[in-house]
Amino acid sequence: MAHAIVLNGTVQNVVVSDGDFAAQQGWVEIPEGVSVESGWLYDGSKFTEPTPSDEDILKDFIKFCVAELKIDSMPIIKLRKDPQWPVAHKTFGRYINDKNLLEVAWGHRHIMDVLRTVAHELTHKHQHERDGERMGSDAGETGSKWENEANARAGILMRDYGRLHPD
């Protein structure tokens, strides 16, 4: 029978053990047909999968975007947690091609807004890989075909990711 070793409401490990021995250890029996893993939560009556943190969601979203956009070389991504960063730089995010650097404002923003900014800036990374020198100095200007593509593609990436992760 499968049992969970629970400490402070969090599953530390899952083991297969004799019921009597498990009871002596204070381990919790996992009901037949229920899948439980380390890191899951236990409230004294049921097991639940933990809610991913915003950082976990961001990491997963970045992997998704890189795969969808077929980005060849992952940029360096810096999360700017200082709420004054977007004020000083007059943007919530930017991709700097010659540094292969994507910066995104993280402080005091909703995770969905951060994800949209990341998708937008990763689209710019993709554009640089795809179009390189054909991108003029006006590529980041409002209304340019590059900026319009980044806006549209970010929306599509958000919807596609949302369909895969409805909760």
Foldseek 3Di string as FASTA:
>chain_A
DKWFDDDPFFGQAIDDDDPVVCVVVVTGDDDPPDDDGGGWGDPPDDTGRDDDDLVVVLVVLLVLLCVVLVQDDQAAEAEAQPPCVCVVVVDQWAQDAVRSYIYGYDHPDDSLVRQLRSQLRVLVSSCCVVPNPVQDPCLCPPPDPNNVVSNVRSVVSSVVVCVVPVD
